[in-house]
Amino acid sequence: MQTQKYEALKIAQLKQEVITDNLVVESALQININQEPYTVVMRTPNNDLELIRGLLFAEDIYKKNEQLKFEIIEQENKINKIINATISKGHLGKGYLNKRTLLSVSSCGICGKQELKDLKVDEKKLNKSFSFSITIIKKMLQKMNNFQQVFEITGGSHAAAIFDKKQNLLSIKEDLGRHNAVDKVVGDLLIKNKLQSANYLLVSGRVSYEIVTKAFIAKIPVIIAISACSSLAVDFAKEFGICLIGFTRNEKMTIYSNPNYITKLEHA
């Protein structure tokens, strides 16, 4: 269930009417690892296994290629409440030692971090040798828009989409949380063993630190956002070797980092 109907009072031009409105669903999911509680995530209930797979990957808890065993521990009205992931102790990454002790709300991707040093990512800068024309961006945005069914109904969800070098759509997911949507598409490609083909990450909202970090860990060199980018997102994108583009709308865009990925228009 991604949407739910609620009765509401609509006011427009000083007139009132009672309507039935569609709202995006927000619900809690407890994630267990080896039957031990790890964290509680506020999310839109759909693609939960993809969400967990992407989150564990981004948090450096499980980065192996082998598929995980998931088990639904508790469910209510067909909505998962507790899911357990079984991971052998030898395959648990160092991120598991930094166990989240806080609720991860739908607007925050780093709410469970305990210390400032936990924000650092110790991996080499991306150095993918390719270039692209900005003329291809409009086509990818249109593809993403065509699949935003929850947003079309509610106006309240975010979307993340991943494309390959030839702008083929590999995955698109929606969620109330921006970072959840990213975890879902990354997790989807991990399950399908196609993450190595990921080249462009498109997000429907703004980009902050955690979105850039998730893209970097997934080795995605280009992020294209509909909305704004934060200062820390730009700083880390420059450091990570990611081309970060924001305010991509109405035939305009702002390139914040690594413009060397982009060819001149006359070469498109």
C-alpha atoms as a PDB file:
ATOM      1  CA  MET A   1       0.000   0.000   0.000  1.00  0.00           C
ATOM      2  CA  GLN A   2       1.538   3.295  -1.142  1.00  0.00           C
ATOM      3  CA  THR A   3      -1.472   5.609  -0.975  1.00  0.00           C
ATOM      4  CA  GLN A   4      -4.457   5.960   1.326  1.00  0.00           C
ATOM      5  CA  LYS A   5      -7.680   7.968   1.109  1.00  0.00           C
ATOM      6  CA  TYR A   6      -8.523  10.567   3.793  1.00  0.00           C
ATOM      7  CA  GLU A   7     -11.423  12.956   4.165  1.00  0.00           C
ATOM      8  CA  ALA A   8     -10.288  16.574   4.131  1.00  0.00           C
ATOM      9  CA  LEU A   9     -11.651  20.118   3.934  1.00  0.00           C
ATOM     10  CA  LYS A  10     -10.554  21.865   0.761  1.00  0.00           C
ATOM     11  CA  ILE A  11     -10.530  25.649   0.638  1.00  0.00           C
ATOM     12  CA  ALA A  12     -10.126  27.401  -2.697  1.00  0.00           C
ATOM     13  CA  GLN A  13     -11.099  30.970  -3.482  1.00  0.00           C
ATOM     14  CA  LEU A  14     -12.843  31.246  -0.092  1.00  0.00           C
ATOM     15  CA  LYS A  15     -15.099  28.296  -0.890  1.00  0.00           C
ATOM     16  CA  GLN A  16     -15.171  25.110   1.191  1.00  0.00           C
ATOM     17  CA  GLU A  17     -15.978  21.562   0.232  1.00  0.00           C
ATOM     18  CA  VAL A  18     -15.445  18.151   1.799  1.00  0.00           C
ATOM     19  CA  ILE A  19     -13.320  15.935  -0.417  1.00  0.00           C
ATOM     20  CA  THR A  20     -11.580  12.564  -0.310  1.00  0.00           C
ATOM     21  CA  ASP A  21      -7.870  13.122  -0.754  1.00  0.00           C
ATOM     22  CA  ASN A  22      -5.105  10.629  -1.533  1.00  0.00           C
ATOM     23  CA  LEU A  23      -2.069  10.770   0.755  1.00  0.00           C
ATOM     24  CA  VAL A  24       1.242   8.974   0.425  1.00  0.00           C
ATOM     25  CA  VAL A  25       1.544   6.338   3.156  1.00  0.00           C
ATOM     26  CA  GLU A  26       4.228   6.675   5.850  1.00  0.00           C
ATOM     27  CA  SER A  27       4.793   3.631   8.023  1.00  0.00           C
ATOM     28  CA  ALA A  28       7.471   2.235  10.336  1.00  0.00           C
ATOM     29  CA  LEU A  29       9.613  -0.746   9.346  1.00  0.00           C
ATOM     30  CA  GLN A  30      11.882  -2.405  11.895  1.00  0.00           C
ATOM     31  CA  ILE A  31      14.955  -3.988  10.343  1.00  0.00           C
ATOM     32  CA  ASN A  32      16.548  -6.874  12.221  1.00  0.00           C
ATOM     33  CA  ILE A  33      19.934  -8.367  11.458  1.00  0.00           C
ATOM     34  CA  ASN A  34      20.369 -11.969  12.587  1.00  0.00           C
ATOM     35  CA  GLN A  35      17.224 -11.620  14.724  1.00  0.00           C
ATOM     36  CA  GLU A  36      18.634  -8.561  16.529  1.00  0.00           C
ATOM     37  CA  PRO A  37      16.956  -5.134  16.036  1.00  0.00           C
ATOM     38  CA  TYR A  38      19.134  -2.841  13.922  1.00  0.00           C
ATOM     39  CA  THR A  39      17.036   0.224  13.136  1.00  0.00           C
ATOM     40  CA  VAL A  40      13.509   1.497  12.522  1.00  0.00           C
ATOM     41  CA  VAL A  41      12.949   3.207   9.177  1.00  0.00           C
ATOM     42  CA  MET A  42      10.016   5.439   8.313  1.00  0.00           C
ATOM     43  CA  ARG A  43       9.152   4.705   4.701  1.00  0.00           C
ATOM     44  CA  THR A  44       6.419   4.225   2.117  1.00  0.00           C
ATOM     45  CA  PRO A  45       5.525   0.505   2.294  1.00  0.00           C
ATOM     46  CA  ASN A  46       6.651  -0.883  -1.022  1.00  0.00           C
ATOM     47  CA  ASN A  47       9.871  -2.508  -2.232  1.00  0.00           C
ATOM     48  CA  ASP A  48      10.924  -3.162   1.368  1.00  0.00           C
ATOM     49  CA  LEU A  49      13.505  -5.796   0.441  1.00  0.00           C
ATOM     50  CA  GLU A  50      15.107  -3.412  -2.053  1.00  0.00           C
ATOM     51  CA  LEU A  51      15.118  -0.685   0.595  1.00  0.00           C
ATOM     52  CA  ILE A  52      16.851  -2.921   3.134  1.00  0.00           C
ATOM     53  CA  ARG A  53      19.363  -4.229   0.590  1.00  0.00           C
ATOM     54  CA  GLY A  54      20.288  -0.701  -0.493  1.00  0.00           C
ATOM     55  CA  LEU A  55      20.469   0.597   3.065  1.00  0.00           C
ATOM     56  CA  LEU A  56      22.751  -2.224   4.250  1.00  0.00           C
ATOM     57  CA  PHE A  57      24.978  -1.583   1.234  1.00  0.00           C
ATOM     58  CA  ALA A  58      25.182   2.161   1.856  1.00  0.00           C
ATOM     59  CA  GLU A  59      25.852   1.642   5.572  1.00  0.00           C
ATOM     60  CA  ASP A  60      28.737  -0.765   4.850  1.00  0.00           C
ATOM     61  CA  ILE A  61      26.966  -3.624   6.588  1.00  0.00           C
ATOM     62  CA  TYR A  62      26.747  -6.019   3.643  1.00  0.00           C
ATOM     63  CA  LYS A  63      28.507  -5.487   0.300  1.00  0.00           C
ATOM     64  CA  LYS A  64      28.877  -9.051  -0.936  1.00  0.00           C
ATOM     65  CA  ASN A  65      27.357 -10.184  -4.232  1.00  0.00           C
ATOM     66  CA  GLU A  66      25.529 -13.137  -2.717  1.00  0.00           C
ATOM     67  CA  GLN A  67      21.832 -12.563  -2.151  1.00  0.00           C
ATOM     68  CA  LEU A  68      20.575 -12.167   1.392  1.00  0.00           C
ATOM     69  CA  LYS A  69      17.922 -14.243   3.083  1.00  0.00           C
ATOM     70  CA  PHE A  70      15.003 -12.081   4.213  1.00  0.00           C
ATOM     71  CA  GLU A  71      12.224 -13.158   6.542  1.00  0.00           C
ATOM     72  CA  ILE A  72       9.051 -11.237   7.361  1.00  0.00           C
ATOM     73  CA  ILE A  73       8.704 -11.453  11.152  1.00  0.00           C
ATOM     74  CA  GLU A  74       5.584  -9.329  11.583  1.00  0.00           C
ATOM     75  CA  GLN A  75       2.981  -8.022   9.159  1.00  0.00           C
ATOM     76  CA  GLU A  76      -0.289  -6.141   9.548  1.00  0.00           C
ATOM     77  CA  ASN A  77      -2.835  -5.416   6.812  1.00  0.00           C
ATOM     78  CA  LYS A  78      -0.297  -6.655   4.256  1.00  0.00           C
ATOM     79  CA  ILE A  79       2.194  -4.008   5.428  1.00  0.00           C
ATOM     80  CA  ASN A  80       5.521  -5.299   6.729  1.00  0.00           C
ATOM     81  CA  LYS A  81       6.379  -4.186  10.255  1.00  0.00           C
ATOM     82  CA  ILE A  82       9.499  -6.267  11.007  1.00  0.00           C
ATOM     83  CA  ILE A  83      11.858  -7.899   8.503  1.00  0.00           C
ATOM     84  CA  ASN A  84      14.953  -9.897   9.441  1.00  0.00           C
ATOM     85  CA  ALA A  85      18.054 -10.139   7.244  1.00  0.00           C
ATOM     86  CA  THR A  86      20.349 -13.093   7.879  1.00  0.00           C
ATOM     87  CA  ILE A  87      24.038 -12.278   7.365  1.00  0.00           C
ATOM     88  CA  SER A  88      26.914 -14.522   8.398  1.00  0.00           C
ATOM     89  CA  LYS A  89      29.192 -12.860  10.945  1.00  0.00           C
ATOM     90  CA  GLY A  90      32.133 -13.165   8.583  1.00  0.00           C
ATOM     91  CA  HIS A  91      30.298 -11.056   5.999  1.00  0.00           C
ATOM     92  CA  LEU A  92      29.168  -8.259   8.329  1.00  0.00           C
ATOM     93  CA  GLY A  93      30.881  -4.990   7.401  1.00  0.00           C
ATOM     94  CA  LYS A  94      32.342  -2.498   9.829  1.00  0.00           C
ATOM     95  CA  GLY A  95      29.200  -0.406   9.530  1.00  0.00           C
ATOM     96  CA  TYR A  96      27.388  -2.947  11.686  1.00  0.00           C
ATOM     97  CA  LEU A  97      29.553  -1.958  14.654  1.00  0.00           C
ATOM     98  CA  ASN A  98      28.135   1.556  14.352  1.00  0.00           C
ATOM     99  CA  LYS A  99      24.634   0.268  15.038  1.00  0.00           C
ATOM    100  CA  ARG A 100      21.901   2.860  14.681  1.00  0.00           C
ATOM    101  CA  THR A 101      20.344   3.697  17.996  1.00  0.00           C
ATOM    102  CA  LEU A 102      17.869   6.288  16.752  1.00  0.00           C
ATOM    103  CA  LEU A 103      14.748   6.252  14.646  1.00  0.00           C
ATOM    104  CA  SER A 104      15.545   7.032  10.999  1.00  0.00           C
ATOM    105  CA  VAL A 105      12.766   9.355   9.888  1.00  0.00           C
ATOM    106  CA  SER A 106      11.719   9.739   6.281  1.00  0.00           C
ATOM    107  CA  SER A 107      13.420  13.117   5.899  1.00  0.00           C
ATOM    108  CA  CYS A 108      16.822  12.093   7.252  1.00  0.00           C
ATOM    109  CA  GLY A 109      19.308   9.584   5.937  1.00  0.00           C
ATOM    110  CA  ILE A 110      21.975   9.980   8.633  1.00  0.00           C
ATOM    111  CA  CYS A 111      19.824  10.254  11.763  1.00  0.00           C
ATOM    112  CA  GLY A 112      21.385   7.110  13.193  1.00  0.00           C
ATOM    113  CA  LYS A 113      24.990   8.293  12.975  1.00  0.00           C
ATOM    114  CA  GLN A 114      26.586   8.560  16.395  1.00  0.00           C
ATOM    115  CA  GLU A 115      29.769  10.572  15.768  1.00  0.00           C
ATOM    116  CA  LEU A 116      31.038  13.079  13.202  1.00  0.00           C
ATOM    117  CA  LYS A 117      33.721  10.651  12.072  1.00  0.00           C
ATOM    118  CA  ASP A 118      30.953   8.296  10.949  1.00  0.00           C
ATOM    119  CA  LEU A 119      30.140  10.707   8.100  1.00  0.00           C
ATOM    120  CA  LYS A 120      33.460  10.010   6.373  1.00  0.00           C
ATOM    121  CA  VAL A 121      33.708   7.590   3.453  1.00  0.00           C
ATOM    122  CA  ASP A 122      37.086   5.924   3.028  1.00  0.00           C
ATOM    123  CA  GLU A 123      37.032   5.022  -0.651  1.00  0.00           C
ATOM    124  CA  LYS A 124      38.918   6.217  -3.733  1.00  0.00           C
ATOM    125  CA  LYS A 125      37.634   9.103  -5.825  1.00  0.00           C
ATOM    126  CA  LEU A 126      35.536   8.098  -8.851  1.00  0.00           C
ATOM    127  CA  ASN A 127      37.419   8.337 -12.100  1.00  0.00           C
ATOM    128  CA  LYS A 128      35.121   7.136 -14.855  1.00  0.00           C
ATOM    129  CA  SER A 129      36.345   8.252 -18.269  1.00  0.00           C
ATOM    130  CA  PHE A 130      33.238   9.222 -20.201  1.00  0.00           C
ATOM    131  CA  SER A 131      31.364  12.353 -21.195  1.00  0.00           C
ATOM    132  CA  PHE A 132      27.784  13.215 -22.073  1.00  0.00           C
ATOM    133  CA  SER A 133      25.736  16.006 -23.587  1.00  0.00           C
ATOM    134  CA  ILE A 134      23.241  17.895 -21.450  1.00  0.00           C
ATOM    135  CA  THR A 135      20.710  17.341 -24.226  1.00  0.00           C
ATOM    136  CA  ILE A 136      20.156  13.768 -22.990  1.00  0.00           C
ATOM    137  CA  ILE A 137      19.008  14.927 -19.548  1.00  0.00           C
ATOM    138  CA  LYS A 138      15.554  16.010 -20.667  1.00  0.00           C
ATOM    139  CA  LYS A 139      14.841  12.565 -22.096  1.00  0.00           C
ATOM    140  CA  MET A 140      15.846  10.833 -18.854  1.00  0.00           C
ATOM    141  CA  LEU A 141      13.756  13.220 -16.757  1.00  0.00           C
ATOM    142  CA  GLN A 142      10.736  12.527 -18.936  1.00  0.00           C
ATOM    143  CA  LYS A 143      11.205   8.784 -18.501  1.00  0.00           C
ATOM    144  CA  MET A 144      11.353   9.215 -14.739  1.00  0.00           C
ATOM    145  CA  ASN A 145       8.257  11.423 -14.714  1.00  0.00           C
ATOM    146  CA  ASN A 146       6.296   8.837 -16.683  1.00  0.00           C
ATOM    147  CA  PHE A 147       6.734   6.290 -13.875  1.00  0.00           C
ATOM    148  CA  GLN A 148       5.948   8.532 -10.872  1.00  0.00           C
ATOM    149  CA  GLN A 149       2.518   7.056 -10.261  1.00  0.00           C
ATOM    150  CA  VAL A 150       2.401   7.731  -6.509  1.00  0.00           C
ATOM    151  CA  PHE A 151       3.399  11.359  -7.026  1.00  0.00           C
ATOM    152  CA  GLU A 152       0.748  11.761  -9.695  1.00  0.00           C
ATOM    153  CA  ILE A 153      -1.931  10.581  -7.251  1.00  0.00           C
ATOM    154  CA  THR A 154      -0.699  12.251  -4.055  1.00  0.00           C
ATOM    155  CA  GLY A 155       1.843  14.934  -4.953  1.00  0.00           C
ATOM    156  CA  GLY A 156       3.704  13.821  -1.834  1.00  0.00           C
ATOM    157  CA  SER A 157       6.343  11.296  -2.881  1.00  0.00           C
ATOM    158  CA  HIS A 158       9.913  11.472  -4.110  1.00  0.00           C
ATOM    159  CA  ALA A 159      11.402   9.407  -6.904  1.00  0.00           C
ATOM    160  CA  ALA A 160      14.873   8.131  -7.716  1.00  0.00           C
ATOM    161  CA  ALA A 161      15.826   6.621 -11.063  1.00  0.00           C
ATOM    162  CA  ILE A 162      19.029   5.019 -12.317  1.00  0.00           C
ATOM    163  CA  PHE A 163      20.079   4.943 -15.971  1.00  0.00           C
ATOM    164  CA  ASP A 164      23.001   3.302 -17.749  1.00  0.00           C
ATOM    165  CA  LYS A 165      25.456   5.012 -20.108  1.00  0.00           C
ATOM    166  CA  LYS A 166      23.021   4.711 -23.020  1.00  0.00           C
ATOM    167  CA  GLN A 167      20.256   6.325 -20.930  1.00  0.00           C
ATOM    168  CA  ASN A 168      18.348   3.067 -20.579  1.00  0.00           C
ATOM    169  CA  LEU A 169      16.178   3.120 -17.460  1.00  0.00           C
ATOM    170  CA  LEU A 170      17.464   0.440 -15.076  1.00  0.00           C
ATOM    171  CA  SER A 171      15.268   1.147 -12.045  1.00  0.00           C
ATOM    172  CA  ILE A 172      12.854   3.720 -10.639  1.00  0.00           C
ATOM    173  CA  LYS A 173      11.283   3.737  -7.174  1.00  0.00           C
ATOM    174  CA  GLU A 174       9.152   6.139  -5.154  1.00  0.00           C
ATOM    175  CA  ASP A 175       9.064   6.859  -1.432  1.00  0.00           C
ATOM    176  CA  LEU A 176       8.130   9.568   1.018  1.00  0.00           C
ATOM    177  CA  GLY A 177      11.841   9.913   1.811  1.00  0.00           C
ATOM    178  CA  ARG A 178      14.364  11.050  -0.786  1.00  0.00           C
ATOM    179  CA  HIS A 179      17.127   8.837   0.580  1.00  0.00           C
ATOM    180  CA  ASN A 180      14.749   5.874   0.872  1.00  0.00           C
ATOM    181  CA  ALA A 181      13.998   6.143  -2.846  1.00  0.00           C
ATOM    182  CA  VAL A 182      17.730   6.066  -3.564  1.00  0.00           C
ATOM    183  CA  ASP A 183      18.236   3.036  -1.319  1.00  0.00           C
ATOM    184  CA  LYS A 184      15.384   1.287  -3.139  1.00  0.00           C
ATOM    185  CA  VAL A 185      16.816   1.744  -6.636  1.00  0.00           C
ATOM    186  CA  VAL A 186      20.341   0.794  -5.534  1.00  0.00           C
ATOM    187  CA  GLY A 187      18.973  -2.228  -3.684  1.00  0.00           C
ATOM    188  CA  ASP A 188      16.899  -3.194  -6.717  1.00  0.00           C
ATOM    189  CA  LEU A 189      20.002  -3.253  -8.927  1.00  0.00           C
ATOM    190  CA  LEU A 190      21.988  -5.140  -6.298  1.00  0.00           C
ATOM    191  CA  ILE A 191      19.329  -7.840  -6.208  1.00  0.00           C
ATOM    192  CA  LYS A 192      19.315  -7.956 -10.029  1.00  0.00           C
ATOM    193  CA  ASN A 193      23.148  -7.853 -10.122  1.00  0.00           C
ATOM    194  CA  LYS A 194      23.061  -4.793 -12.404  1.00  0.00           C
ATOM    195  CA  LEU A 195      24.560  -2.073 -10.199  1.00  0.00           C
ATOM    196  CA  GLN A 196      27.780  -2.097 -12.223  1.00  0.00           C
ATOM    197  CA  SER A 197      25.783  -0.650 -15.151  1.00  0.00           C
ATOM    198  CA  ALA A 198      24.550   2.364 -13.158  1.00  0.00           C
ATOM    199  CA  ASN A 199      25.763   5.678 -14.569  1.00  0.00           C
ATOM    200  CA  TYR A 200      23.173   8.388 -13.860  1.00  0.00           C
ATOM    201  CA  LEU A 201      21.149   8.905 -10.677  1.00  0.00           C
ATOM    202  CA  LEU A 202      18.124  11.178 -11.080  1.00  0.00           C
ATOM    203  CA  VAL A 203      16.267  12.424  -8.006  1.00  0.00           C
ATOM    204  CA  SER A 204      13.018  14.370  -7.922  1.00  0.00           C
ATOM    205  CA  GLY A 205      13.901  16.513  -4.911  1.00  0.00           C
ATOM    206  CA  ARG A 206      16.886  18.238  -3.385  1.00  0.00           C
ATOM    207  CA  VAL A 207      20.327  16.714  -2.871  1.00  0.00           C
ATOM    208  CA  SER A 208      22.112  16.778   0.457  1.00  0.00           C
ATOM    209  CA  TYR A 209      25.114  14.959   1.869  1.00  0.00           C
ATOM    210  CA  GLU A 210      23.546  11.523   2.213  1.00  0.00           C
ATOM    211  CA  ILE A 211      22.349  11.320  -1.398  1.00  0.00           C
ATOM    212  CA  VAL A 212      25.841  12.114  -2.713  1.00  0.00           C
ATOM    213  CA  THR A 213      27.379   9.545  -0.364  1.00  0.00           C
ATOM    214  CA  LYS A 214      24.949   6.819  -1.431  1.00  0.00           C
ATOM    215  CA  ALA A 215      25.728   7.534  -5.097  1.00  0.00           C
ATOM    216  CA  PHE A 216      29.467   7.461  -4.421  1.00  0.00           C
ATOM    217  CA  ILE A 217      29.329   4.127  -2.602  1.00  0.00           C
ATOM    218  CA  ALA A 218      27.285   2.733  -5.513  1.00  0.00           C
ATOM    219  CA  LYS A 219      29.913   4.115  -7.934  1.00  0.00           C
ATOM    220  CA  ILE A 220      27.417   6.326  -9.790  1.00  0.00           C
ATOM    221  CA  PRO A 221      29.334   9.291 -11.261  1.00  0.00           C
ATOM    222  CA  VAL A 222      26.466  11.636 -12.224  1.00  0.00           C
ATOM    223  CA  ILE A 223      23.638  12.980 -10.041  1.00  0.00           C
ATOM    224  CA  ILE A 224      20.865  15.050 -11.615  1.00  0.00           C
ATOM    225  CA  ALA A 225      18.365  16.732  -9.295  1.00  0.00           C
ATOM    226  CA  ILE A 226      15.144  18.584  -9.947  1.00  0.00           C
ATOM    227  CA  SER A 227      15.671  20.800  -6.917  1.00  0.00           C
ATOM    228  CA  ALA A 228      18.471  22.398  -4.901  1.00  0.00           C
ATOM    229  CA  CYS A 229      21.773  21.011  -3.644  1.00  0.00           C
ATOM    230  CA  SER A 230      23.236  21.690  -0.205  1.00  0.00           C
ATOM    231  CA  SER A 231      26.718  23.106   0.392  1.00  0.00           C
ATOM    232  CA  LEU A 232      27.942  19.836   1.878  1.00  0.00           C
ATOM    233  CA  ALA A 233      26.540  17.900  -1.083  1.00  0.00           C
ATOM    234  CA  VAL A 234      28.579  20.089  -3.445  1.00  0.00           C
ATOM    235  CA  ASP A 235      31.733  19.802  -1.300  1.00  0.00           C
ATOM    236  CA  PHE A 236      31.534  16.018  -1.186  1.00  0.00           C
ATOM    237  CA  ALA A 237      30.608  15.705  -4.875  1.00  0.00           C
ATOM    238  CA  LYS A 238      33.781  17.629  -5.750  1.00  0.00           C
ATOM    239  CA  GLU A 239      35.838  15.432  -3.438  1.00  0.00           C
ATOM    240  CA  PHE A 240      34.262  12.188  -4.671  1.00  0.00           C
ATOM    241  CA  GLY A 241      34.580  12.970  -8.394  1.00  0.00           C
ATOM    242  CA  ILE A 242      30.831  13.178  -8.980  1.00  0.00           C
ATOM    243  CA  CYS A 243      29.187  15.492 -11.505  1.00  0.00           C
ATOM    244  CA  LEU A 244      26.367  17.120  -9.509  1.00  0.00           C
ATOM    245  CA  ILE A 245      23.619  19.006 -11.351  1.00  0.00           C
ATOM    246  CA  GLY A 246      20.749  20.778  -9.619  1.00  0.00           C
ATOM    247  CA  PHE A 247      17.680  22.897 -10.472  1.00  0.00           C
ATOM    248  CA  THR A 248      17.182  20.826 -13.619  1.00  0.00           C
ATOM    249  CA  ARG A 249      13.892  22.209 -14.899  1.00  0.00           C
ATOM    250  CA  ASN A 250      12.416  24.484 -17.561  1.00  0.00           C
ATOM    251  CA  GLU A 251      15.344  23.969 -19.921  1.00  0.00           C
ATOM    252  CA  LYS A 252      17.763  25.189 -17.221  1.00  0.00           C
ATOM    253  CA  MET A 253      20.219  23.560 -14.836  1.00  0.00           C
ATOM    254  CA  THR A 254      23.089  24.412 -12.503  1.00  0.00           C
ATOM    255  CA  ILE A 255      26.279  22.345 -12.664  1.00  0.00           C
ATOM    256  CA  TYR A 256      27.927  22.392  -9.234  1.00  0.00           C
ATOM    257  CA  SER A 257      30.850  19.988  -9.579  1.00  0.00           C
ATOM    258  CA  ASN A 258      33.067  18.232 -12.114  1.00  0.00           C
ATOM    259  CA  PRO A 259      31.717  19.824 -15.317  1.00  0.00           C
ATOM    260  CA  ASN A 260      34.460  17.968 -17.223  1.00  0.00           C
ATOM    261  CA  TYR A 261      31.958  15.123 -17.674  1.00  0.00           C
ATOM    262  CA  ILE A 262      29.876  17.317 -19.977  1.00  0.00           C
ATOM    263  CA  THR A 263      30.566  17.861 -23.686  1.00  0.00           C
ATOM    264  CA  LYS A 264      29.854  21.087 -25.492  1.00  0.00           C
ATOM    265  CA  LEU A 265      26.409  21.385 -27.064  1.00  0.00           C
ATOM    266  CA  GLU A 266      27.775  21.566 -30.592  1.00  0.00           C
ATOM    267  CA  HIS A 267      29.376  18.140 -30.092  1.00  0.00           C
ATOM    268  CA  ALA A 268      26.090  16.509 -29.015  1.00  0.00           C
END
